[in-house]
N, C-alpha and C. Protein backbone atom coordinates (compact mmCIF):
# COMPACT_ATOMS: atom_id res chain seq x y z
N MET A 1 53.79 59.13 50.44
CA MET A 1 52.79 58.26 48.91
C MET A 1 53.67 57.58 48.45
N LYS A 2 55.04 57.22 48.10
CA LYS A 2 55.50 56.08 47.75
C LYS A 2 55.10 54.85 48.46
N THR A 3 55.21 55.38 49.67
CA THR A 3 54.55 53.97 50.53
C THR A 3 53.12 52.94 50.54
N LEU A 4 52.11 54.59 49.86
CA LEU A 4 51.15 53.73 49.36
C LEU A 4 50.48 53.69 48.27
N THR A 5 51.53 54.11 48.28
CA THR A 5 51.51 53.29 46.64
C THR A 5 51.81 51.66 46.63
N ARG A 6 53.02 51.59 46.81
CA ARG A 6 53.17 50.39 46.78
C ARG A 6 52.73 49.71 47.44
N HIS A 7 51.88 49.89 48.75
CA HIS A 7 51.20 49.17 49.69
C HIS A 7 49.72 49.54 49.08
N CYS A 8 49.44 49.89 48.24
CA CYS A 8 47.93 49.40 46.76
C CYS A 8 48.57 48.72 46.68
N GLN A 9 49.50 49.04 45.84
CA GLN A 9 50.37 47.98 44.15
C GLN A 9 49.97 46.31 45.06
N LEU A 10 50.57 46.69 46.16
CA LEU A 10 50.13 45.02 46.82
C LEU A 10 49.44 44.87 47.32
N THR A 11 48.51 45.32 47.83
CA THR A 11 47.16 44.91 47.95
C THR A 11 46.71 44.24 46.66
N PHE A 12 46.53 45.38 45.85
CA PHE A 12 45.46 44.60 44.43
C PHE A 12 46.59 43.73 44.15
N ALA A 13 47.79 43.14 44.15
CA ALA A 13 48.54 42.32 43.49
C ALA A 13 48.27 40.55 44.93
N ALA A 14 47.60 40.99 46.07
CA ALA A 14 47.37 40.05 46.38
C ALA A 14 45.94 39.79 46.19
N LEU A 15 45.45 40.23 46.00
CA LEU A 15 43.21 40.66 45.53
C LEU A 15 43.86 39.97 44.32
N LEU A 16 44.94 40.01 43.08
CA LEU A 16 43.86 39.11 42.02
C LEU A 16 44.59 38.45 42.07
N LEU A 17 45.65 37.90 42.80
CA LEU A 17 46.96 36.32 42.72
C LEU A 17 45.62 35.69 43.39
N SER A 18 44.26 36.04 44.42
CA SER A 18 43.30 35.25 45.49
C SER A 18 42.07 34.73 44.45
N VAL A 19 42.62 35.56 43.10
CA VAL A 19 40.76 35.41 42.59
C VAL A 19 41.21 34.44 40.93
N THR A 20 42.65 34.21 41.40
CA THR A 20 43.15 33.99 39.69
C THR A 20 43.56 32.46 40.31
N ALA A 21 43.71 32.30 41.94
CA ALA A 21 44.04 30.71 42.90
C ALA A 21 42.96 30.88 42.57
N GLY A 22 41.53 30.87 43.16
CA GLY A 22 40.67 30.38 42.94
C GLY A 22 39.80 29.79 40.93
N THR A 23 40.46 30.48 41.03
CA THR A 23 40.17 29.61 39.11
C THR A 23 40.69 28.64 38.96
N VAL A 24 41.67 28.72 39.49
CA VAL A 24 42.66 28.23 38.46
C VAL A 24 42.63 26.69 39.62
N SER A 25 41.60 26.87 41.11
CA SER A 25 41.47 25.90 41.84
C SER A 25 40.36 24.92 41.41
N ALA A 26 39.94 25.42 40.92
CA ALA A 26 38.04 25.28 40.22
C ALA A 26 38.33 24.93 38.67
N ASP A 27 38.84 25.02 37.94
CA ASP A 27 39.87 24.70 37.11
C ASP A 27 40.20 23.09 37.27
N TRP A 28 41.56 23.45 37.53
CA TRP A 28 42.48 22.31 38.38
C TRP A 28 41.18 21.06 38.73
N HIS A 29 39.52 21.10 39.88
CA HIS A 29 39.18 20.12 40.28
C HIS A 29 38.65 19.70 38.69
N GLN A 30 37.22 20.70 38.44
CA GLN A 30 36.98 19.94 36.56
C GLN A 30 38.20 19.34 35.94
N PHE A 31 39.11 19.88 36.01
CA PHE A 31 40.55 18.88 34.52
C PHE A 31 40.29 17.94 35.18
N TRP A 32 40.99 17.38 37.07
CA TRP A 32 40.53 15.99 37.11
C TRP A 32 39.33 15.40 37.19
N HIS A 33 38.01 15.78 37.67
CA HIS A 33 37.14 15.05 37.11
C HIS A 33 36.96 14.49 35.69
N GLN A 34 36.89 15.44 34.86
CA GLN A 34 36.88 15.03 32.82
C GLN A 34 38.18 14.18 33.17
N PHE A 35 39.23 13.75 34.16
CA PHE A 35 39.77 13.14 33.64
C PHE A 35 39.78 11.44 34.48
N ASN A 36 39.00 11.55 35.76
CA ASN A 36 38.24 10.34 36.35
C ASN A 36 36.80 9.34 35.03
N VAL A 37 35.81 11.24 34.41
CA VAL A 37 35.34 9.94 33.56
C VAL A 37 35.74 9.47 32.46
N ASP A 38 36.29 10.10 31.96
CA ASP A 38 37.38 9.85 30.50
C ASP A 38 37.81 7.73 30.94
N TYR A 39 38.81 7.62 32.13
CA TYR A 39 39.11 6.95 32.32
C TYR A 39 37.80 6.08 32.56
N HIS A 40 37.69 5.91 33.13
CA HIS A 40 35.85 4.62 33.37
C HIS A 40 35.37 4.70 32.45
N ARG A 41 35.04 5.97 31.35
CA ARG A 41 34.50 5.78 29.90
C ARG A 41 35.80 4.34 29.44
N ALA A 42 36.54 4.90 29.24
CA ALA A 42 38.18 3.97 28.35
C ALA A 42 38.08 2.71 28.59
N ASN A 43 37.80 2.20 30.16
CA ASN A 43 38.12 1.29 30.79
C ASN A 43 36.21 0.67 30.85
N ALA A 44 35.07 1.45 30.30
CA ALA A 44 34.05 -0.39 29.79
C ALA A 44 33.60 -0.14 29.36
N TRP A 45 34.09 0.66 28.36
CA TRP A 45 34.69 0.70 26.44
C TRP A 45 34.17 -1.29 25.85
N PRO A 46 33.34 -1.28 25.07
CA PRO A 46 32.65 -0.75 24.42
C PRO A 46 30.37 -0.84 24.60
N ASP A 47 30.53 -1.42 26.06
CA ASP A 47 29.32 -1.73 26.66
C ASP A 47 28.87 0.29 26.65
N PRO A 48 29.44 1.09 26.81
CA PRO A 48 28.69 2.23 27.06
C PRO A 48 27.88 1.62 25.77
N PHE A 49 27.81 1.96 24.09
CA PHE A 49 27.59 2.01 23.32
C PHE A 49 26.91 0.86 22.48
N ASN A 50 27.11 -0.57 23.31
CA ASN A 50 26.60 -1.64 22.40
C ASN A 50 24.91 -1.27 22.06
N GLU A 51 24.26 -0.16 22.86
CA GLU A 51 23.18 -0.47 23.52
C GLU A 51 22.34 0.06 21.94
N GLY A 52 22.78 1.06 21.55
CA GLY A 52 22.77 2.52 20.83
C GLY A 52 22.98 1.80 18.93
N ASP A 53 23.85 0.98 19.40
CA ASP A 53 23.91 0.17 18.33
C ASP A 53 23.06 -1.33 17.74
N ALA A 54 23.67 -1.15 18.53
CA ALA A 54 22.34 -2.48 18.72
C ALA A 54 20.74 -1.95 18.03
N MET A 55 20.03 -0.92 19.33
CA MET A 55 18.75 -0.70 18.87
C MET A 55 19.13 0.38 16.92
N GLN A 56 19.87 0.98 16.22
CA GLN A 56 20.53 1.30 15.41
C GLN A 56 19.78 -0.40 14.63
N VAL A 57 20.91 -1.85 14.41
CA VAL A 57 19.84 -2.55 14.57
C VAL A 57 19.13 -2.56 14.01
N VAL A 58 18.76 -3.02 15.22
CA VAL A 58 17.20 -3.45 14.86
C VAL A 58 15.98 -2.93 14.64
N ALA A 59 16.30 -1.95 14.47
CA ALA A 59 15.33 -0.30 13.74
C ALA A 59 14.57 -1.22 11.96
N PRO A 60 15.74 -1.02 11.32
CA PRO A 60 15.05 -1.79 9.89
C PRO A 60 14.52 -3.30 9.92
N PHE A 61 14.43 -3.88 10.73
CA PHE A 61 13.81 -5.36 11.24
C PHE A 61 12.22 -4.18 11.85
N GLU A 62 12.46 -3.75 12.85
CA GLU A 62 11.22 -3.32 13.62
C GLU A 62 10.47 -3.13 12.01
N VAL A 63 10.52 -1.99 11.27
CA VAL A 63 9.71 -1.49 10.46
C VAL A 63 9.59 -2.89 9.87
N MET A 64 10.00 -3.58 8.82
CA MET A 64 9.89 -4.76 8.07
C MET A 64 8.81 -5.11 9.13
N LYS A 65 8.82 -5.56 10.24
CA LYS A 65 7.54 -6.11 10.98
C LYS A 65 6.44 -5.97 10.93
N HIS A 66 6.30 -3.94 11.17
CA HIS A 66 5.45 -3.61 10.76
C HIS A 66 4.05 -3.53 9.44
N ASN A 67 5.24 -3.57 8.49
CA ASN A 67 4.87 -3.20 7.97
C ASN A 67 4.54 -4.57 7.32
N GLY A 68 4.95 -5.97 7.17
CA GLY A 68 4.14 -7.05 7.29
C GLY A 68 3.10 -7.40 7.90
N TRP A 69 2.83 -6.97 9.12
CA TRP A 69 1.61 -7.13 10.11
C TRP A 69 1.02 -6.04 9.14
N ARG A 70 1.02 -4.52 8.73
CA ARG A 70 -0.05 -4.26 7.79
C ARG A 70 -0.26 -4.89 6.58
N MET A 71 0.90 -4.95 6.40
CA MET A 71 -0.46 -6.27 4.96
C MET A 71 -1.15 -7.53 5.11
N HIS A 72 -0.71 -7.77 6.17
CA HIS A 72 -1.48 -8.61 6.95
C HIS A 72 -2.84 -8.74 7.05
N ASN A 73 -3.05 -7.44 7.70
CA ASN A 73 -4.12 -7.14 8.57
C ASN A 73 -5.36 -6.00 7.74
N THR A 74 -4.87 -5.77 6.32
CA THR A 74 -5.15 -4.78 5.38
C THR A 74 -6.47 -6.01 4.95
N ILE A 75 -7.85 -5.47 4.69
CA ILE A 75 -8.11 -5.65 5.04
C ILE A 75 -9.56 -5.28 2.93
N GLY A 76 -8.20 -5.92 1.54
CA GLY A 76 -8.36 -5.49 0.44
C GLY A 76 -10.43 -5.71 -0.19
N ASN A 77 -9.63 -5.18 -1.21
CA ASN A 77 -10.58 -5.15 -2.49
C ASN A 77 -11.68 -6.75 -2.40
N ASP A 78 -10.95 -8.29 -2.04
CA ASP A 78 -11.38 -8.90 -2.18
C ASP A 78 -12.14 -9.92 -1.47
N LEU A 79 -11.96 -9.09 0.20
CA LEU A 79 -12.52 -9.54 0.64
C LEU A 79 -14.22 -8.58 1.46
N PHE A 80 -14.21 -7.69 0.92
CA PHE A 80 -15.49 -6.37 0.19
C PHE A 80 -16.89 -6.97 -0.79
N ARG A 81 -17.67 -7.01 -0.80
CA ARG A 81 -19.19 -7.11 -2.04
C ARG A 81 -18.43 -6.04 -2.60
N GLN A 82 -18.78 -5.95 -4.39
CA GLN A 82 -18.52 -5.45 -4.75
C GLN A 82 -19.87 -3.83 -5.12
N GLY A 83 -19.94 -3.54 -4.43
CA GLY A 83 -20.72 -1.85 -5.14
C GLY A 83 -21.32 -1.27 -3.91
N ASP A 84 -21.99 -2.52 -2.45
CA ASP A 84 -22.20 -1.60 -0.90
C ASP A 84 -20.69 -1.77 -0.10
N GLY A 85 -19.38 -2.68 -0.26
CA GLY A 85 -19.04 -2.15 1.17
C GLY A 85 -18.98 -3.60 1.85
N ALA A 86 -19.70 -4.73 1.83
CA ALA A 86 -20.55 -4.67 3.41
C ALA A 86 -19.78 -6.52 2.92
N LEU A 87 -18.94 -6.33 4.19
CA LEU A 87 -17.53 -7.69 4.56
C LEU A 87 -18.57 -9.08 3.74
N LEU A 88 -17.50 -9.49 3.22
CA LEU A 88 -18.11 -10.67 3.14
C LEU A 88 -17.39 -12.66 3.93
N ALA A 89 -17.95 -13.97 3.54
CA ALA A 89 -17.61 -14.11 5.13
C ALA A 89 -15.83 -14.23 5.04
N ALA A 90 -15.21 -14.32 3.76
CA ALA A 90 -13.96 -14.44 5.11
C ALA A 90 -13.63 -13.17 4.81
N GLY A 91 -13.92 -12.20 4.65
CA GLY A 91 -13.88 -10.85 5.16
C GLY A 91 -14.03 -10.54 6.66
N ASN A 92 -15.61 -11.45 7.14
CA ASN A 92 -15.91 -10.94 8.17
C ASN A 92 -14.61 -12.25 9.36
N ASN A 93 -14.19 -12.99 7.93
CA ASN A 93 -13.28 -14.14 9.63
C ASN A 93 -12.58 -13.59 9.55
N ARG A 94 -11.31 -12.80 8.83
CA ARG A 94 -10.40 -12.03 8.95
C ARG A 94 -10.53 -11.28 10.05
N VAL A 95 -11.38 -10.18 10.07
CA VAL A 95 -11.67 -9.27 11.31
C VAL A 95 -11.73 -9.79 12.30
N HIS A 96 -12.42 -10.69 12.49
CA HIS A 96 -12.39 -11.84 13.61
C HIS A 96 -11.34 -12.37 14.21
N TRP A 97 -10.56 -12.91 13.83
CA TRP A 97 -9.22 -13.40 13.44
C TRP A 97 -7.56 -12.24 13.91
N ILE A 98 -8.38 -11.00 13.31
CA ILE A 98 -6.68 -9.71 13.81
C ILE A 98 -7.09 -9.49 14.92
N ALA A 99 -8.65 -9.79 15.36
CA ALA A 99 -9.27 -8.42 16.50
C ALA A 99 -9.72 -9.44 17.88
N THR A 100 -9.24 -11.09 17.38
CA THR A 100 -9.04 -12.30 18.91
C THR A 100 -7.52 -12.30 18.78
N GLN A 101 -7.07 -13.07 17.69
CA GLN A 101 -6.38 -13.66 17.43
C GLN A 101 -4.60 -13.29 17.33
N ALA A 102 -4.28 -12.07 16.49
CA ALA A 102 -3.22 -11.30 16.77
C ALA A 102 -2.65 -10.41 17.35
N PRO A 103 -1.52 -10.59 17.94
CA PRO A 103 -1.00 -10.18 19.16
C PRO A 103 -1.17 -8.63 19.56
N GLU A 104 -1.78 -8.12 20.17
CA GLU A 104 -2.76 -7.13 21.03
C GLU A 104 -2.16 -6.14 20.63
N ALA A 105 -0.10 -5.29 20.15
CA ALA A 105 -0.05 -4.63 19.82
C ALA A 105 -0.48 -4.74 17.89
N ARG A 106 -0.23 -6.05 17.51
CA ARG A 106 -1.00 -5.62 16.39
C ARG A 106 -2.10 -6.15 16.17
N ARG A 107 -2.67 -5.60 16.47
CA ARG A 107 -3.96 -5.72 16.29
C ARG A 107 -4.97 -3.96 15.96
N THR A 108 -4.65 -3.72 14.70
CA THR A 108 -5.19 -3.30 13.97
C THR A 108 -5.68 -3.11 12.64
N VAL A 109 -6.95 -2.82 12.38
CA VAL A 109 -7.86 -3.58 11.31
C VAL A 109 -7.27 -2.35 9.49
N TYR A 110 -6.66 -2.70 8.73
CA TYR A 110 -6.86 -1.22 7.27
C TYR A 110 -7.18 -1.96 7.22
N VAL A 111 -7.94 -0.55 6.55
CA VAL A 111 -9.83 -0.79 5.47
C VAL A 111 -8.91 -0.09 4.05
N LEU A 112 -8.71 -0.83 3.00
CA LEU A 112 -7.92 -0.46 1.46
C LEU A 112 -9.33 0.74 0.93
N ARG A 113 -8.92 1.62 1.12
CA ARG A 113 -10.00 2.23 0.23
C ARG A 113 -10.76 2.26 -1.05
N GLY A 114 -11.69 2.32 -0.56
CA GLY A 114 -12.62 1.83 -2.18
C GLY A 114 -12.06 3.01 -3.28
N LYS A 115 -12.84 2.66 -4.61
CA LYS A 115 -13.28 3.68 -5.63
C LYS A 115 -14.16 5.38 -5.30
N SER A 116 -14.87 4.82 -4.34
CA SER A 116 -15.37 6.55 -3.73
C SER A 116 -14.98 6.95 -2.05
N LEU A 117 -15.89 7.71 -2.13
CA LEU A 117 -15.83 8.06 -0.82
C LEU A 117 -16.80 7.58 -0.15
N GLU A 118 -18.07 7.08 -0.67
CA GLU A 118 -18.80 6.04 0.21
C GLU A 118 -18.86 5.03 -0.28
N GLU A 119 -17.70 4.40 -1.10
CA GLU A 119 -18.02 3.08 -0.98
C GLU A 119 -16.57 3.20 0.62
N THR A 120 -15.67 3.53 0.56
CA THR A 120 -14.94 3.33 2.11
C THR A 120 -15.76 3.73 2.96
N ASN A 121 -16.15 4.89 3.35
CA ASN A 121 -17.05 4.85 4.01
C ASN A 121 -18.20 3.45 4.69
N ALA A 122 -18.75 3.43 3.99
CA ALA A 122 -19.03 1.75 4.21
C ALA A 122 -19.35 0.50 4.12
N ARG A 123 -17.49 0.12 3.81
CA ARG A 123 -16.15 -0.45 3.93
C ARG A 123 -16.16 -0.37 5.65
N VAL A 124 -15.32 0.94 5.93
CA VAL A 124 -15.14 1.41 7.57
C VAL A 124 -16.22 0.51 7.91
N THR A 125 -17.35 1.06 8.10
CA THR A 125 -18.78 1.35 9.02
C THR A 125 -18.76 -0.54 8.73
N SER A 126 -19.10 -1.73 7.87
CA SER A 126 -19.02 -2.52 7.66
C SER A 126 -17.83 -3.21 8.05
N VAL A 127 -16.88 -3.51 9.08
CA VAL A 127 -15.61 -3.73 9.44
C VAL A 127 -16.21 -2.90 11.33
N ARG A 128 -16.46 -1.86 10.88
CA ARG A 128 -16.57 -2.02 12.71
C ARG A 128 -17.88 -2.40 13.09
N GLN A 129 -19.08 -2.56 12.53
CA GLN A 129 -19.98 -3.88 12.92
C GLN A 129 -19.66 -4.84 13.33
N THR A 130 -18.95 -5.35 12.29
CA THR A 130 -17.91 -6.56 12.76
C THR A 130 -17.67 -6.86 13.83
N LEU A 131 -16.34 -5.95 14.43
CA LEU A 131 -15.83 -5.35 15.66
C LEU A 131 -16.96 -5.36 16.41
N ALA A 132 -17.66 -5.19 16.47
CA ALA A 132 -19.38 -5.37 17.64
C ALA A 132 -19.22 -6.32 17.52
N ASN A 133 -20.19 -7.37 16.98
CA ASN A 133 -20.06 -8.18 17.26
C ASN A 133 -19.19 -9.75 17.63
N VAL A 134 -18.45 -9.33 17.27
CA VAL A 134 -16.39 -10.06 17.75
C VAL A 134 -16.62 -10.21 19.26
N TYR A 135 -16.68 -11.00 20.31
CA TYR A 135 -16.07 -10.69 21.35
C TYR A 135 -14.41 -10.98 21.63
N MET A 136 -14.26 -9.89 21.90
CA MET A 136 -12.21 -10.30 22.90
C MET A 136 -12.10 -9.89 23.80
N ALA A 137 -11.58 -10.12 24.10
CA ALA A 137 -10.63 -9.04 25.31
C ALA A 137 -9.84 -8.05 24.86
N GLY A 138 -9.65 -6.92 25.81
CA GLY A 138 -8.76 -5.76 25.70
C GLY A 138 -10.31 -5.14 25.02
N PRO A 139 -9.32 -3.80 24.39
CA PRO A 139 -10.02 -2.47 23.26
C PRO A 139 -10.70 -3.05 22.12
N ILE A 140 -10.91 -2.53 21.51
CA ILE A 140 -11.42 -2.81 20.03
C ILE A 140 -10.34 -2.52 18.90
N PRO A 141 -10.40 -3.22 18.68
CA PRO A 141 -8.44 -2.86 17.70
C PRO A 141 -9.29 -0.73 16.57
N ASP A 142 -8.22 -0.92 16.84
CA ASP A 142 -8.04 0.94 15.72
C ASP A 142 -8.66 0.20 14.35
N VAL A 143 -9.36 1.17 13.57
CA VAL A 143 -9.75 0.69 12.20
C VAL A 143 -9.42 2.08 11.14
N ILE A 144 -8.31 1.82 10.52
CA ILE A 144 -7.74 3.22 9.50
C ILE A 144 -7.42 2.85 8.20
N VAL A 145 -8.03 3.84 7.14
CA VAL A 145 -8.53 3.62 5.78
C VAL A 145 -6.80 3.29 5.15
N THR A 146 -6.34 2.42 4.95
CA THR A 146 -4.80 3.03 3.50
C THR A 146 -5.51 2.65 2.45
N GLU A 147 -4.33 2.54 1.56
CA GLU A 147 -3.34 3.01 -0.08
C GLU A 147 -3.49 2.30 0.04
N LYS A 148 -2.60 1.43 0.31
CA LYS A 148 -1.42 -0.04 -0.04
C LYS A 148 -2.42 -0.99 0.14
N GLU A 149 -2.56 -1.61 -1.29
CA GLU A 149 -2.88 -2.64 -1.04
C GLU A 149 -2.42 -4.46 -1.45
N PRO A 150 -2.83 -4.60 -0.34
CA PRO A 150 -1.22 -6.32 -0.05
C PRO A 150 -1.57 -6.82 -1.84
N SER A 151 -0.57 -7.60 -1.68
CA SER A 151 -0.46 -9.01 -2.90
C SER A 151 -1.25 -9.67 -2.33
N THR A 152 -1.54 -9.93 -3.43
CA THR A 152 -3.03 -11.58 -3.62
C THR A 152 -2.59 -12.08 -4.42
N ALA A 153 -2.21 -13.49 -4.43
CA ALA A 153 -2.10 -14.00 -5.80
C ALA A 153 -3.61 -14.98 -6.09
N PRO A 154 -4.32 -15.80 -7.04
CA PRO A 154 -4.70 -16.52 -8.07
C PRO A 154 -4.93 -18.24 -7.55
N GLY A 155 -5.83 -18.28 -7.11
CA GLY A 155 -6.06 -19.40 -6.13
C GLY A 155 -5.53 -20.49 -6.48
N GLY A 156 -6.66 -20.42 -7.88
CA GLY A 156 -5.87 -21.97 -9.38
C GLY A 156 -3.50 -21.41 -9.00
N TRP A 157 -3.50 -20.77 -9.44
CA TRP A 157 -2.14 -20.60 -9.64
C TRP A 157 -1.20 -20.79 -8.45
N ALA A 158 -1.23 -20.56 -7.14
CA ALA A 158 -1.43 -20.90 -6.13
C ALA A 158 -1.45 -22.52 -5.96
N VAL A 159 -2.44 -23.16 -6.30
CA VAL A 159 -3.02 -24.64 -5.92
C VAL A 159 -2.07 -25.13 -7.14
N GLN A 160 -1.57 -24.54 -8.23
CA GLN A 160 -0.87 -25.55 -9.27
C GLN A 160 0.43 -25.68 -9.22
N ILE A 161 1.44 -24.71 -8.09
CA ILE A 161 2.72 -24.14 -7.73
C ILE A 161 2.57 -25.72 -6.63
N GLN A 162 1.88 -25.55 -5.49
CA GLN A 162 1.77 -26.30 -4.56
C GLN A 162 2.03 -28.49 -5.39
N ARG A 163 0.95 -28.32 -6.39
CA ARG A 163 0.99 -29.54 -6.63
C ARG A 163 1.91 -29.87 -7.24
N ASP A 164 2.82 -29.13 -8.68
CA ASP A 164 4.11 -28.80 -8.82
C ASP A 164 5.09 -29.29 -8.14
N TRP A 165 5.10 -28.57 -6.88
CA TRP A 165 6.10 -29.51 -5.98
C TRP A 165 6.38 -30.40 -5.69
N MET A 166 4.70 -30.88 -5.05
CA MET A 166 4.84 -31.87 -4.40
C MET A 166 4.89 -33.38 -5.59
N GLU A 167 5.12 -33.23 -6.17
CA GLU A 167 5.32 -33.80 -7.60
C GLU A 167 7.06 -34.50 -7.94
N VAL A 168 6.83 -32.88 -7.56
CA VAL A 168 9.65 -32.79 -7.78
C VAL A 168 9.96 -33.51 -6.37
N LEU A 169 8.83 -33.60 -4.80
CA LEU A 169 9.74 -33.63 -3.93
C LEU A 169 10.07 -35.13 -4.06
N PRO A 170 11.06 -35.67 -3.83
CA PRO A 170 11.44 -36.79 -2.97
C PRO A 170 11.25 -38.08 -2.56
N LYS A 171 10.88 -39.05 -2.76
CA LYS A 171 9.76 -40.23 -1.45
C LYS A 171 10.45 -40.50 0.28
N PRO A 172 10.20 -40.02 0.64
CA PRO A 172 10.60 -40.48 1.53
C PRO A 172 10.68 -41.43 2.30
N LYS A 173 11.98 -42.06 1.85
CA LYS A 173 13.36 -43.34 2.90
C LYS A 173 13.73 -43.64 4.13
N LEU A 174 13.29 -44.13 4.65
CA LEU A 174 14.15 -44.86 5.89
C LEU A 174 16.58 -45.19 5.27
N PRO A 175 16.36 -44.55 6.70
CA PRO A 175 18.58 -44.56 6.25
C PRO A 175 18.82 -45.99 6.08
N GLN A 176 19.00 -46.67 5.50
CA GLN A 176 20.01 -48.26 5.29
C GLN A 176 21.00 -48.81 6.30
N ARG A 177 20.88 -47.69 7.26
CA ARG A 177 21.20 -49.21 8.67
C ARG A 177 20.58 -47.43 9.63
N SER A 178 20.23 -48.31 10.75
CA SER A 178 19.85 -47.80 11.82
C SER A 178 20.65 -46.79 12.76
N ALA A 179 20.65 -46.44 13.67
CA ALA A 179 21.30 -45.15 14.87
C ALA A 179 22.13 -46.53 15.35
N GLN A 180 22.00 -47.96 15.60
CA GLN A 180 22.65 -48.63 16.70
C GLN A 180 23.80 -49.37 15.94
N GLY A 181 23.64 -49.19 14.17
CA GLY A 181 24.08 -49.41 13.44
C GLY A 181 23.68 -50.67 12.48
N ASN A 182 22.54 -51.63 12.64
CA ASN A 182 22.05 -52.24 12.38
C ASN A 182 21.48 -52.53 11.15
N GLU A 183 21.43 -52.80 10.16
CA GLU A 183 21.11 -53.30 9.22
C GLU A 183 19.63 -53.20 8.76
N SER A 184 18.54 -52.38 8.39
CA SER A 184 16.98 -51.34 8.16
C SER A 184 16.81 -52.85 7.75
N THR A 185 15.49 -53.43 8.80
CA THR A 185 14.73 -54.54 7.86
C THR A 185 13.75 -53.91 7.13
N ALA A 186 13.28 -53.10 7.26
CA ALA A 186 11.94 -51.68 6.40
C ALA A 186 12.34 -51.83 5.23
N GLU A 187 10.84 -52.53 4.51
CA GLU A 187 11.61 -53.00 3.07
C GLU A 187 11.37 -51.38 1.84
N GLN A 188 12.75 -51.22 0.81
CA GLN A 188 13.06 -49.41 0.70
C GLN A 188 12.09 -49.42 -0.16
């Protein structure tokens, strides 16, 4: 009986050892695989991480570009006739430019919400009618109602700034010597 028990104990120990050896072997292969991955990652650094960093740097500028195009493509109050929401000539020109000249990814027309639902619907209908009459390559631009009013300035104020700038702008003059070092013969 003792030999049978001893034989069972040896068999059980051999079985336990073979199961453990299989697990250790699997862990050993996993260890070397992970070591190899870590080695190559460390030697390639920082290349695997540059793209993600670059995307995070560019993301705010993409938002700014989108917002800029949104403001530029917004048809505001000054481009609609008061009361019935029909587009004025300048509004027709702006919609035509957006539909034909803006980059294809930026061809969305934003319509500023009117004072009432009827006025807003009339504005959208007017813009869609203008788009229907424009010959353009590619799909018809989307028309989206927006609450953000584009910043504008009175024309007289803008003209005054331009004129003031022109008054303080120095007169152009040629340099005293030419590129070859000769005296300039032009009158100053």
